[in-house]
Amino acid sequence: MIIEADIKKTLGEIAVQFSAGYPFLKLEFYNQPHSIHAVSSEKNLLPPNLTGKETGLKFQPGTVEIHDFQKTGDVEQLFKKNLGLNVQIFRRHGEDWIQTVGTDDLTLREQNEIGQKASEEFLHGTNRWIEKEKFL
């Protein structure tokens, strides 16, 4: 997968491109970098409607080439190196999204599979909230 970012593309559009290939993962963008295995603070979260240029970061238009075998932490660093954007990858866990900070050494494929399994248990297990809502 190749993610392209230009001066008109919003952070949300970049995130959608990423999630199209990894539906149980998502990108969030921050105005401050984080260290490997470190949590990104919600207070530094950037809104998805900003373009890279509007972030106030050293954004540079370009591309990020992503492969299933790449480690999560490495992909986050590629966004910083190639585009000047601080990203954190999140993994779906049921109805929640969790930062992949403790698992930066897992590949994107592994992260996505973990997220899929955790979500299948939520969506198809005994806690199917959709089935609990019954209209009279």
C-alpha atoms as a PDB file:
ATOM      1  CA  MET A   1       0.000   0.000   0.000  1.00  0.00           C
ATOM      2  CA  ILE A   2       1.186   3.480  -0.832  1.00  0.00           C
ATOM      3  CA  ILE A   3      -0.267   6.422   1.056  1.00  0.00           C
ATOM      4  CA  GLU A   4       0.073   9.753  -0.681  1.00  0.00           C
ATOM      5  CA  ALA A   5      -0.187  13.056   1.125  1.00  0.00           C
ATOM      6  CA  ASP A   6      -0.273  16.447  -0.537  1.00  0.00           C
ATOM      7  CA  ILE A   7      -1.040  19.927   0.755  1.00  0.00           C
ATOM      8  CA  LYS A   8      -4.788  19.526   0.124  1.00  0.00           C
ATOM      9  CA  LYS A   9      -5.299  16.108   1.736  1.00  0.00           C
ATOM     10  CA  THR A  10      -6.661  16.100   5.283  1.00  0.00           C
ATOM     11  CA  LEU A  11      -5.375  13.952   8.108  1.00  0.00           C
ATOM     12  CA  GLY A  12      -8.735  12.164   8.054  1.00  0.00           C
ATOM     13  CA  GLU A  13      -8.300  11.294   4.387  1.00  0.00           C
ATOM     14  CA  ILE A  14      -4.845   9.885   5.090  1.00  0.00           C
ATOM     15  CA  ALA A  15      -6.292   7.823   7.953  1.00  0.00           C
ATOM     16  CA  VAL A  16      -9.061   6.469   5.697  1.00  0.00           C
ATOM     17  CA  GLN A  17      -6.451   5.342   3.148  1.00  0.00           C
ATOM     18  CA  PHE A  18      -4.611   3.449   5.872  1.00  0.00           C
ATOM     19  CA  SER A  19      -7.724   1.842   7.342  1.00  0.00           C
ATOM     20  CA  ALA A  20      -8.858   0.682   3.900  1.00  0.00           C
ATOM     21  CA  GLY A  21      -5.941  -1.764   3.978  1.00  0.00           C
ATOM     22  CA  TYR A  22      -6.088  -2.457   7.715  1.00  0.00           C
ATOM     23  CA  PRO A  23      -9.736  -2.267   8.814  1.00  0.00           C
ATOM     24  CA  PHE A  24      -8.975  -3.148  12.437  1.00  0.00           C
ATOM     25  CA  LEU A  25      -6.277  -0.474  12.735  1.00  0.00           C
ATOM     26  CA  LYS A  26      -6.451   3.294  12.553  1.00  0.00           C
ATOM     27  CA  LEU A  27      -4.129   6.281  12.544  1.00  0.00           C
ATOM     28  CA  GLU A  28      -4.370   9.259  14.853  1.00  0.00           C
ATOM     29  CA  PHE A  29      -2.213  12.350  14.394  1.00  0.00           C
ATOM     30  CA  TYR A  30      -0.557  14.400  17.134  1.00  0.00           C
ATOM     31  CA  ASN A  31       1.212  17.740  17.423  1.00  0.00           C
ATOM     32  CA  GLN A  32       3.957  16.117  19.525  1.00  0.00           C
ATOM     33  CA  PRO A  33       6.032  13.008  18.728  1.00  0.00           C
ATOM     34  CA  HIS A  34       6.084  10.000  21.032  1.00  0.00           C
ATOM     35  CA  SER A  35       8.894   7.599  21.832  1.00  0.00           C
ATOM     36  CA  ILE A  36       8.697   3.949  20.849  1.00  0.00           C
ATOM     37  CA  HIS A  37       6.472   2.034  23.311  1.00  0.00           C
ATOM     38  CA  ALA A  38       5.172   5.373  24.675  1.00  0.00           C
ATOM     39  CA  VAL A  39       1.575   6.595  24.873  1.00  0.00           C
ATOM     40  CA  SER A  40       0.467   9.643  22.903  1.00  0.00           C
ATOM     41  CA  SER A  41      -1.447  12.144  24.998  1.00  0.00           C
ATOM     42  CA  GLU A  42      -5.025  12.914  23.987  1.00  0.00           C
ATOM     43  CA  LYS A  43      -4.357  16.607  24.668  1.00  0.00           C
ATOM     44  CA  ASN A  44      -1.954  16.578  21.683  1.00  0.00           C
ATOM     45  CA  LEU A  45      -4.447  14.962  19.288  1.00  0.00           C
ATOM     46  CA  LEU A  46      -4.940  16.838  16.012  1.00  0.00           C
ATOM     47  CA  PRO A  47      -8.413  17.096  14.436  1.00  0.00           C
ATOM     48  CA  PRO A  48      -8.914  15.003  11.274  1.00  0.00           C
ATOM     49  CA  ASN A  49     -10.163  17.962   9.213  1.00  0.00           C
ATOM     50  CA  LEU A  50      -6.717  19.634   9.181  1.00  0.00           C
ATOM     51  CA  THR A  51      -4.427  19.286   6.197  1.00  0.00           C
ATOM     52  CA  GLY A  52      -0.809  18.342   6.835  1.00  0.00           C
ATOM     53  CA  LYS A  53       0.183  21.930   6.139  1.00  0.00           C
ATOM     54  CA  GLU A  54      -2.326  23.256   8.714  1.00  0.00           C
ATOM     55  CA  THR A  55      -0.916  21.105  11.546  1.00  0.00           C
ATOM     56  CA  GLY A  56       1.926  23.479  12.351  1.00  0.00           C
ATOM     57  CA  LEU A  57       4.326  20.549  11.954  1.00  0.00           C
ATOM     58  CA  LYS A  58       7.125  20.317   9.422  1.00  0.00           C
ATOM     59  CA  PHE A  59       4.795  18.632   6.935  1.00  0.00           C
ATOM     60  CA  GLN A  60       6.257  17.699   3.579  1.00  0.00           C
ATOM     61  CA  PRO A  61       4.109  16.265   0.785  1.00  0.00           C
ATOM     62  CA  GLY A  62       5.122  12.775  -0.219  1.00  0.00           C
ATOM     63  CA  THR A  63       4.369   9.084   0.104  1.00  0.00           C
ATOM     64  CA  VAL A  64       4.652   6.328   2.665  1.00  0.00           C
ATOM     65  CA  GLU A  65       4.987   2.774   1.368  1.00  0.00           C
ATOM     66  CA  ILE A  66       3.508   0.276   3.817  1.00  0.00           C
ATOM     67  CA  HIS A  67       3.752  -3.517   3.863  1.00  0.00           C
ATOM     68  CA  ASP A  68       2.098  -6.172   6.064  1.00  0.00           C
ATOM     69  CA  PHE A  69       5.460  -7.357   7.375  1.00  0.00           C
ATOM     70  CA  GLN A  70       6.504  -3.948   8.753  1.00  0.00           C
ATOM     71  CA  LYS A  71       6.474  -3.399  12.498  1.00  0.00           C
ATOM     72  CA  THR A  72       3.990  -0.914  13.892  1.00  0.00           C
ATOM     73  CA  GLY A  73       6.673   1.306  15.412  1.00  0.00           C
ATOM     74  CA  ASP A  74       8.579   1.364  12.131  1.00  0.00           C
ATOM     75  CA  VAL A  75       5.490   2.498  10.212  1.00  0.00           C
ATOM     76  CA  GLU A  76       4.911   5.298  12.705  1.00  0.00           C
ATOM     77  CA  GLN A  77       8.512   6.413  12.164  1.00  0.00           C
ATOM     78  CA  LEU A  78       8.042   6.340   8.366  1.00  0.00           C
ATOM     79  CA  PHE A  79       5.218   8.866   8.655  1.00  0.00           C
ATOM     80  CA  LYS A  80       7.530  11.129  10.649  1.00  0.00           C
ATOM     81  CA  LYS A  81      10.464  10.689   8.273  1.00  0.00           C
ATOM     82  CA  ASN A  82       8.592  10.882   4.946  1.00  0.00           C
ATOM     83  CA  LEU A  83       5.784  13.340   5.741  1.00  0.00           C
ATOM     84  CA  GLY A  84       6.788  15.088   8.969  1.00  0.00           C
ATOM     85  CA  LEU A  85       3.636  13.781  10.704  1.00  0.00           C
ATOM     86  CA  ASN A  86       3.443  12.340  14.221  1.00  0.00           C
ATOM     87  CA  VAL A  87       1.175   9.306  14.147  1.00  0.00           C
ATOM     88  CA  GLN A  88       0.038   6.677  16.592  1.00  0.00           C
ATOM     89  CA  ILE A  89      -1.458   3.423  15.348  1.00  0.00           C
ATOM     90  CA  PHE A  90      -4.514   2.179  17.222  1.00  0.00           C
ATOM     91  CA  ARG A  91      -5.991  -1.327  17.192  1.00  0.00           C
ATOM     92  CA  ARG A  92      -9.664  -2.162  17.479  1.00  0.00           C
ATOM     93  CA  HIS A  93     -10.592  -4.094  20.610  1.00  0.00           C
ATOM     94  CA  GLY A  94     -14.311  -4.784  20.623  1.00  0.00           C
ATOM     95  CA  GLU A  95     -15.962  -1.398  20.489  1.00  0.00           C
ATOM     96  CA  ASP A  96     -12.844   0.403  21.730  1.00  0.00           C
ATOM     97  CA  TRP A  97      -9.616   1.555  20.101  1.00  0.00           C
ATOM     98  CA  ILE A  98      -6.353   1.062  21.968  1.00  0.00           C
ATOM     99  CA  GLN A  99      -2.914   2.491  21.261  1.00  0.00           C
ATOM    100  CA  THR A 100      -0.466  -0.163  20.114  1.00  0.00           C
ATOM    101  CA  VAL A 101       2.262   1.173  22.407  1.00  0.00           C
ATOM    102  CA  GLY A 102       3.171  -2.102  24.105  1.00  0.00           C
ATOM    103  CA  THR A 103       3.168  -3.984  20.820  1.00  0.00           C
ATOM    104  CA  ASP A 104       5.196  -1.713  18.536  1.00  0.00           C
ATOM    105  CA  ASP A 105       7.312  -4.746  17.595  1.00  0.00           C
ATOM    106  CA  LEU A 106       4.357  -6.610  16.060  1.00  0.00           C
ATOM    107  CA  THR A 107       3.754  -6.344  12.324  1.00  0.00           C
ATOM    108  CA  LEU A 108       0.782  -4.596  10.809  1.00  0.00           C
ATOM    109  CA  ARG A 109      -0.585  -7.998   9.769  1.00  0.00           C
ATOM    110  CA  GLU A 110      -0.322  -9.302  13.340  1.00  0.00           C
ATOM    111  CA  GLN A 111      -1.904  -6.147  14.789  1.00  0.00           C
ATOM    112  CA  ASN A 112      -4.772  -6.269  12.305  1.00  0.00           C
ATOM    113  CA  GLU A 113      -5.402  -9.973  13.024  1.00  0.00           C
ATOM    114  CA  ILE A 114      -5.425  -9.357  16.785  1.00  0.00           C
ATOM    115  CA  GLY A 115      -7.902  -6.520  16.259  1.00  0.00           C
ATOM    116  CA  GLN A 116     -10.077  -8.691  14.030  1.00  0.00           C
ATOM    117  CA  LYS A 117     -10.206 -11.510  16.589  1.00  0.00           C
ATOM    118  CA  ALA A 118     -10.973  -9.117  19.442  1.00  0.00           C
ATOM    119  CA  SER A 119     -13.719  -7.477  17.393  1.00  0.00           C
ATOM    120  CA  GLU A 120     -15.233 -10.769  16.210  1.00  0.00           C
ATOM    121  CA  GLU A 121     -15.591 -11.867  19.810  1.00  0.00           C
ATOM    122  CA  PHE A 122     -17.369  -8.607  20.542  1.00  0.00           C
ATOM    123  CA  LEU A 123     -19.552  -8.596  17.432  1.00  0.00           C
ATOM    124  CA  HIS A 124     -20.340 -12.318  17.338  1.00  0.00           C
ATOM    125  CA  GLY A 125     -19.935 -13.386  20.951  1.00  0.00           C
ATOM    126  CA  THR A 126     -22.331 -13.306  23.854  1.00  0.00           C
ATOM    127  CA  ASN A 127     -22.076  -9.537  24.223  1.00  0.00           C
ATOM    128  CA  ARG A 128     -23.673  -8.608  20.902  1.00  0.00           C
ATOM    129  CA  TRP A 129     -25.106  -5.251  21.877  1.00  0.00           C
ATOM    130  CA  ILE A 130     -27.091  -4.997  18.647  1.00  0.00           C
ATOM    131  CA  GLU A 131     -29.204  -7.999  19.611  1.00  0.00           C
ATOM    132  CA  LYS A 132     -29.804  -6.622  23.111  1.00  0.00           C
ATOM    133  CA  GLU A 133     -31.680  -3.614  21.754  1.00  0.00           C
ATOM    134  CA  LYS A 134     -35.171  -4.822  21.002  1.00  0.00           C
ATOM    135  CA  PHE A 135     -37.906  -2.453  20.010  1.00  0.00           C
ATOM    136  CA  LEU A 136     -41.417  -2.968  21.305  1.00  0.00           C
END
